N, C-alpha and C. Protein backbone atom coordinates (compact mmCIF):
# COMPACT_ATOMS: atom_id res chain seq x y z
N ILE A 1 34.72 160.91 140.71
CA ILE A 1 35.27 161.32 139.41
C ILE A 1 36.81 161.36 139.49
N ILE A 2 37.33 161.88 140.59
CA ILE A 2 38.79 161.96 140.73
C ILE A 2 39.38 160.53 140.75
N GLY A 3 38.74 159.61 141.43
CA GLY A 3 39.21 158.23 141.46
C GLY A 3 39.21 157.61 140.07
N LEU A 4 38.20 157.93 139.27
CA LEU A 4 38.12 157.41 137.91
C LEU A 4 39.27 157.96 137.06
N VAL A 5 39.55 159.24 137.18
CA VAL A 5 40.63 159.87 136.42
C VAL A 5 41.98 159.27 136.84
N VAL A 6 42.20 159.09 138.13
CA VAL A 6 43.44 158.50 138.62
C VAL A 6 43.59 157.07 138.09
N THR A 7 42.51 156.31 138.08
CA THR A 7 42.54 154.94 137.57
C THR A 7 42.89 154.91 136.09
N ILE A 8 42.31 155.80 135.31
CA ILE A 8 42.59 155.84 133.87
C ILE A 8 44.04 156.23 133.61
N VAL A 9 44.52 157.25 134.32
CA VAL A 9 45.91 157.68 134.13
C VAL A 9 46.88 156.56 134.55
N ALA A 10 46.59 155.89 135.66
CA ALA A 10 47.44 154.78 136.10
C ALA A 10 47.42 153.65 135.07
N GLY A 11 46.28 153.37 134.50
CA GLY A 11 46.17 152.33 133.47
C GLY A 11 46.98 152.68 132.23
N ILE A 12 46.93 153.94 131.83
CA ILE A 12 47.71 154.38 130.66
C ILE A 12 49.21 154.26 130.94
N LEU A 13 49.63 154.68 132.13
CA LEU A 13 51.05 154.58 132.48
C LEU A 13 51.52 153.13 132.54
N LEU A 14 50.72 152.26 133.11
CA LEU A 14 51.09 150.84 133.17
C LEU A 14 51.15 150.22 131.78
N ALA A 15 50.22 150.59 130.91
CA ALA A 15 50.22 150.06 129.54
C ALA A 15 51.48 150.51 128.80
N GLN A 16 51.86 151.78 128.94
CA GLN A 16 53.07 152.27 128.28
C GLN A 16 54.30 151.56 128.83
N LEU A 17 54.35 151.35 130.13
CA LEU A 17 55.47 150.65 130.73
C LEU A 17 55.55 149.21 130.22
N TYR A 18 54.42 148.54 130.13
CA TYR A 18 54.39 147.16 129.65
C TYR A 18 54.87 147.07 128.20
N PHE A 19 54.33 147.92 127.32
CA PHE A 19 54.70 147.85 125.90
C PHE A 19 56.16 148.24 125.69
N SER A 20 56.67 149.15 126.50
CA SER A 20 58.09 149.50 126.42
C SER A 20 58.95 148.31 126.82
N TYR A 21 58.58 147.64 127.88
CA TYR A 21 59.31 146.47 128.35
C TYR A 21 59.22 145.31 127.36
N ALA A 22 58.02 145.07 126.83
CA ALA A 22 57.83 143.98 125.87
C ALA A 22 58.63 144.23 124.60
N GLY A 23 58.73 145.47 124.16
CA GLY A 23 59.53 145.78 122.98
C GLY A 23 61.01 145.58 123.21
N THR A 24 61.45 145.77 124.45
CA THR A 24 62.85 145.59 124.78
C THR A 24 63.25 144.13 124.80
N ILE A 25 62.39 143.28 125.32
CA ILE A 25 62.76 141.88 125.46
C ILE A 25 62.47 141.05 124.22
N SER A 26 61.69 141.56 123.28
CA SER A 26 61.41 140.78 122.08
C SER A 26 62.64 140.80 121.16
N LYS A 27 62.85 139.71 120.46
CA LYS A 27 64.00 139.60 119.57
C LYS A 27 63.69 140.30 118.25
N ARG A 28 64.60 141.19 117.85
CA ARG A 28 64.46 141.90 116.60
C ARG A 28 65.78 141.85 115.83
N PRO A 29 65.98 140.82 115.02
CA PRO A 29 67.19 140.79 114.21
C PRO A 29 67.09 141.81 113.08
N ALA A 30 68.06 142.69 113.00
CA ALA A 30 68.05 143.70 111.94
C ALA A 30 69.48 144.16 111.69
N ALA A 31 69.79 144.40 110.44
CA ALA A 31 71.12 144.88 110.07
C ALA A 31 70.98 145.92 108.98
N ASN A 32 72.03 146.69 108.80
CA ASN A 32 72.06 147.72 107.78
C ASN A 32 73.42 147.69 107.09
N ILE A 33 73.42 147.68 105.78
CA ILE A 33 74.68 147.76 105.03
C ILE A 33 74.98 149.25 104.87
N GLU A 34 76.06 149.69 105.53
CA GLU A 34 76.37 151.11 105.57
C GLU A 34 77.33 151.56 104.48
N TYR A 35 78.17 150.65 103.99
CA TYR A 35 79.22 151.04 103.06
C TYR A 35 79.59 149.86 102.19
N VAL A 36 79.73 150.11 100.89
CA VAL A 36 80.17 149.07 99.95
C VAL A 36 81.20 149.71 99.01
N ASP A 37 82.33 149.03 98.81
CA ASP A 37 83.37 149.54 97.93
C ASP A 37 84.03 148.36 97.22
N LEU A 38 84.38 148.55 95.97
CA LEU A 38 85.06 147.53 95.19
C LEU A 38 86.26 148.17 94.51
N VAL A 39 87.45 147.67 94.86
CA VAL A 39 88.70 148.22 94.32
C VAL A 39 89.35 147.16 93.43
N VAL A 40 89.69 147.56 92.19
CA VAL A 40 90.35 146.66 91.24
C VAL A 40 91.60 147.36 90.70
N PRO A 41 92.55 146.60 90.17
CA PRO A 41 93.72 147.23 89.53
C PRO A 41 93.29 148.09 88.35
N SER A 42 94.05 149.09 88.03
CA SER A 42 93.69 150.01 86.94
C SER A 42 93.59 149.31 85.59
N THR A 43 94.27 148.16 85.44
CA THR A 43 94.20 147.41 84.18
C THR A 43 93.11 146.34 84.21
N GLY A 44 92.41 146.22 85.33
CA GLY A 44 91.37 145.20 85.47
C GLY A 44 91.92 143.96 86.15
N GLY A 45 91.02 143.09 86.54
CA GLY A 45 91.42 141.86 87.21
C GLY A 45 90.55 141.58 88.42
N GLN A 46 91.12 140.86 89.37
CA GLN A 46 90.39 140.56 90.59
C GLN A 46 90.29 141.80 91.47
N GLY A 47 89.23 141.86 92.25
CA GLY A 47 89.03 143.02 93.09
C GLY A 47 88.77 142.65 94.53
N ILE A 48 88.86 143.65 95.39
CA ILE A 48 88.56 143.46 96.81
C ILE A 48 87.27 144.22 97.12
N LEU A 49 86.29 143.46 97.56
CA LEU A 49 84.99 144.01 97.93
C LEU A 49 84.99 144.24 99.44
N THR A 50 84.69 145.46 99.86
CA THR A 50 84.61 145.80 101.28
C THR A 50 83.19 146.21 101.61
N ILE A 51 82.65 145.63 102.68
CA ILE A 51 81.28 145.91 103.11
C ILE A 51 81.29 146.17 104.61
N ASN A 52 80.67 147.27 105.03
CA ASN A 52 80.47 147.53 106.45
C ASN A 52 79.01 147.25 106.80
N ILE A 53 78.81 146.42 107.81
CA ILE A 53 77.47 146.02 108.22
C ILE A 53 77.27 146.44 109.67
N LYS A 54 76.17 147.12 109.95
CA LYS A 54 75.85 147.53 111.31
C LYS A 54 74.69 146.71 111.83
N ASN A 55 74.84 146.19 113.04
CA ASN A 55 73.77 145.44 113.69
C ASN A 55 72.79 146.44 114.29
N MET A 56 71.62 146.57 113.68
CA MET A 56 70.62 147.55 114.11
C MET A 56 69.58 146.94 115.06
N GLY A 57 69.58 145.64 115.22
CA GLY A 57 68.58 144.99 116.06
C GLY A 57 69.11 144.71 117.45
N ASN A 58 68.51 143.70 118.09
CA ASN A 58 68.97 143.33 119.43
C ASN A 58 69.38 141.85 119.50
N VAL A 59 69.72 141.28 118.33
CA VAL A 59 70.19 139.89 118.26
C VAL A 59 71.58 139.91 117.61
N LYS A 60 72.51 139.16 118.15
CA LYS A 60 73.89 139.13 117.68
C LYS A 60 73.98 138.55 116.26
N ILE A 61 74.82 139.17 115.41
CA ILE A 61 75.12 138.64 114.07
C ILE A 61 76.22 137.59 114.22
N THR A 62 76.00 136.41 113.61
CA THR A 62 76.98 135.33 113.74
C THR A 62 77.61 134.90 112.42
N GLY A 63 77.10 135.37 111.29
CA GLY A 63 77.68 134.96 110.01
C GLY A 63 77.26 135.87 108.87
N VAL A 64 78.12 135.94 107.84
CA VAL A 64 77.84 136.72 106.64
C VAL A 64 78.29 135.90 105.44
N SER A 65 77.44 135.86 104.41
CA SER A 65 77.79 135.21 103.15
C SER A 65 77.56 136.20 102.02
N ILE A 66 78.44 136.16 101.02
CA ILE A 66 78.28 136.97 99.82
C ILE A 66 78.13 136.02 98.66
N ASN A 67 77.01 136.08 97.97
CA ASN A 67 76.70 135.18 96.86
C ASN A 67 76.94 133.72 97.26
N GLU A 68 76.44 133.34 98.40
CA GLU A 68 76.51 131.98 98.94
C GLU A 68 77.92 131.54 99.32
N THR A 69 78.87 132.47 99.39
CA THR A 69 80.22 132.16 99.85
C THR A 69 80.38 132.74 101.24
N ALA A 70 80.62 131.88 102.22
CA ALA A 70 80.76 132.34 103.60
C ALA A 70 82.03 133.18 103.72
N VAL A 71 81.88 134.40 104.21
CA VAL A 71 83.03 135.28 104.42
C VAL A 71 83.18 135.67 105.89
N GLY A 72 82.22 135.32 106.69
CA GLY A 72 82.28 135.63 108.10
C GLY A 72 81.58 134.56 108.91
N ASP A 73 82.17 133.36 108.97
CA ASP A 73 81.52 132.25 109.67
C ASP A 73 81.50 132.43 111.17
N SER A 74 82.57 132.89 111.73
CA SER A 74 82.68 132.94 113.19
C SER A 74 82.58 134.37 113.70
N LEU A 75 81.64 135.12 113.16
CA LEU A 75 81.45 136.49 113.61
C LEU A 75 80.71 136.52 114.94
N SER A 76 80.89 137.61 115.64
CA SER A 76 80.14 137.87 116.85
C SER A 76 79.96 139.38 116.93
N VAL A 77 78.92 139.88 116.25
CA VAL A 77 78.68 141.31 116.18
C VAL A 77 77.49 141.63 117.08
N ASP A 78 77.78 142.28 118.20
CA ASP A 78 76.74 142.63 119.16
C ASP A 78 75.85 143.74 118.62
N PRO A 79 74.64 143.87 119.16
CA PRO A 79 73.75 144.96 118.76
C PRO A 79 74.42 146.32 118.91
N GLY A 80 74.28 147.14 117.87
CA GLY A 80 74.87 148.47 117.86
C GLY A 80 76.27 148.53 117.28
N GLU A 81 76.94 147.39 117.11
CA GLU A 81 78.30 147.37 116.58
C GLU A 81 78.30 147.29 115.06
N THR A 82 79.43 147.66 114.47
CA THR A 82 79.63 147.60 113.03
C THR A 82 80.82 146.68 112.74
N VAL A 83 80.70 145.89 111.68
CA VAL A 83 81.79 145.01 111.29
C VAL A 83 82.14 145.29 109.82
N GLY A 84 83.43 145.22 109.52
CA GLY A 84 83.91 145.37 108.16
C GLY A 84 84.27 144.01 107.59
N ILE A 85 83.74 143.68 106.44
CA ILE A 85 83.98 142.41 105.78
C ILE A 85 84.73 142.69 104.47
N GLN A 86 85.78 141.92 104.21
CA GLN A 86 86.47 142.01 102.92
C GLN A 86 86.37 140.67 102.23
N HIS A 87 86.17 140.73 100.91
CA HIS A 87 85.98 139.52 100.10
C HIS A 87 86.70 139.71 98.77
N MET A 88 87.48 138.72 98.37
CA MET A 88 88.16 138.78 97.08
C MET A 88 87.20 138.34 95.99
N VAL A 89 86.99 139.21 95.01
CA VAL A 89 86.14 138.89 93.86
C VAL A 89 87.06 138.33 92.78
N THR A 90 86.85 137.07 92.43
CA THR A 90 87.78 136.38 91.54
C THR A 90 87.49 136.60 90.06
N ASP A 91 86.36 137.19 89.73
CA ASP A 91 86.06 137.49 88.32
C ASP A 91 86.95 138.63 87.84
N THR A 92 87.16 138.69 86.53
CA THR A 92 87.91 139.80 85.95
C THR A 92 86.99 141.01 85.85
N ILE A 93 87.37 142.08 86.50
CA ILE A 93 86.55 143.28 86.58
C ILE A 93 87.40 144.46 86.14
N LEU A 94 86.81 145.33 85.35
CA LEU A 94 87.47 146.56 84.92
C LEU A 94 86.95 147.73 85.75
N PRO A 95 87.78 148.76 85.94
CA PRO A 95 87.26 149.94 86.63
C PRO A 95 86.05 150.50 85.89
N GLY A 96 85.02 150.83 86.63
CA GLY A 96 83.79 151.34 86.04
C GLY A 96 82.71 150.28 85.88
N ASP A 97 83.10 149.00 85.92
CA ASP A 97 82.11 147.93 85.84
C ASP A 97 81.21 147.95 87.08
N VAL A 98 79.96 147.59 86.89
CA VAL A 98 79.03 147.49 88.00
C VAL A 98 78.87 146.02 88.37
N VAL A 99 79.03 145.72 89.63
CA VAL A 99 78.92 144.35 90.13
C VAL A 99 77.70 144.28 91.04
N ASN A 100 76.84 143.31 90.76
CA ASN A 100 75.66 143.06 91.58
C ASN A 100 75.89 141.79 92.39
N ALA A 101 75.48 141.81 93.63
CA ALA A 101 75.65 140.65 94.50
C ALA A 101 74.57 140.69 95.56
N TYR A 102 74.54 139.66 96.37
CA TYR A 102 73.65 139.69 97.53
C TYR A 102 74.40 139.22 98.76
N VAL A 103 74.03 139.82 99.87
CA VAL A 103 74.67 139.55 101.15
C VAL A 103 73.62 138.91 102.06
N GLU A 104 73.96 137.75 102.59
CA GLU A 104 73.07 137.07 103.53
C GLU A 104 73.68 137.15 104.93
N ILE A 105 72.91 137.69 105.86
CA ILE A 105 73.37 137.88 107.23
C ILE A 105 72.63 136.89 108.12
N THR A 106 73.38 136.14 108.93
CA THR A 106 72.81 135.15 109.84
C THR A 106 72.90 135.67 111.27
N PHE A 107 71.82 135.48 112.01
CA PHE A 107 71.75 135.96 113.38
C PHE A 107 71.81 134.80 114.35
N GLU A 108 72.08 135.12 115.60
CA GLU A 108 72.26 134.13 116.66
C GLU A 108 71.00 133.26 116.85
N ASP A 109 69.83 133.81 116.59
CA ASP A 109 68.59 133.05 116.77
C ASP A 109 68.27 132.15 115.57
N GLY A 110 69.17 132.10 114.57
CA GLY A 110 68.98 131.25 113.40
C GLY A 110 68.30 131.94 112.23
N SER A 111 67.81 133.14 112.42
CA SER A 111 67.16 133.85 111.32
C SER A 111 68.21 134.44 110.38
N THR A 112 67.78 134.73 109.16
CA THR A 112 68.67 135.32 108.16
C THR A 112 67.96 136.48 107.47
N GLN A 113 68.76 137.39 106.95
CA GLN A 113 68.26 138.48 106.12
C GLN A 113 69.15 138.59 104.90
N VAL A 114 68.55 138.86 103.75
CA VAL A 114 69.30 138.95 102.50
C VAL A 114 69.17 140.37 101.95
N TYR A 115 70.29 140.94 101.58
CA TYR A 115 70.34 142.30 101.04
C TYR A 115 71.00 142.27 99.67
N ALA A 116 70.44 142.96 98.70
CA ALA A 116 71.04 143.10 97.38
C ALA A 116 71.96 144.31 97.40
N ILE A 117 73.14 144.15 96.80
CA ILE A 117 74.06 145.29 96.69
C ILE A 117 74.47 145.45 95.24
N SER A 118 74.81 146.67 94.90
CA SER A 118 75.29 147.00 93.57
C SER A 118 76.41 148.03 93.77
N VAL A 119 77.57 147.74 93.20
CA VAL A 119 78.72 148.62 93.42
C VAL A 119 79.48 148.80 92.11
N ARG A 120 79.96 150.02 91.88
CA ARG A 120 80.77 150.31 90.70
C ARG A 120 82.24 150.20 91.09
N ALA A 121 82.98 149.40 90.33
CA ALA A 121 84.40 149.16 90.62
C ALA A 121 85.20 150.44 90.37
N ARG A 122 86.16 150.66 91.25
CA ARG A 122 87.08 151.80 91.07
C ARG A 122 88.50 151.27 91.09
N SER A 123 89.40 152.02 90.47
CA SER A 123 90.78 151.56 90.41
C SER A 123 91.52 151.97 91.68
N ALA A 124 92.54 151.20 91.99
CA ALA A 124 93.33 151.46 93.22
C ALA A 124 94.18 152.67 93.06
């Protein structure tokens, strides 16, 4: 009986070790948009969109596009790091306007993730 219990406990420990190791080596591209801000002149006009993106997975981020416009082609954001992206919005925007956009993040393994953002413009 003692041998059986030892065998079961050893099997459980080995299984936990294996699944922990397998989870570490598997590729998990993931990102999180932590901050979005849009600043425009008090009289309206073009604005500067600022986005902070954190790499939450274990695959390097290599590119960022906003509404199909590449704003970070040669990025290299390692897992756990945060990058700040700035993009000039060429449309005429007034303070208080809400701007909707989408951010496409490209990872080193070729995968992409798309995030919708919505931000209210504020004056400088």
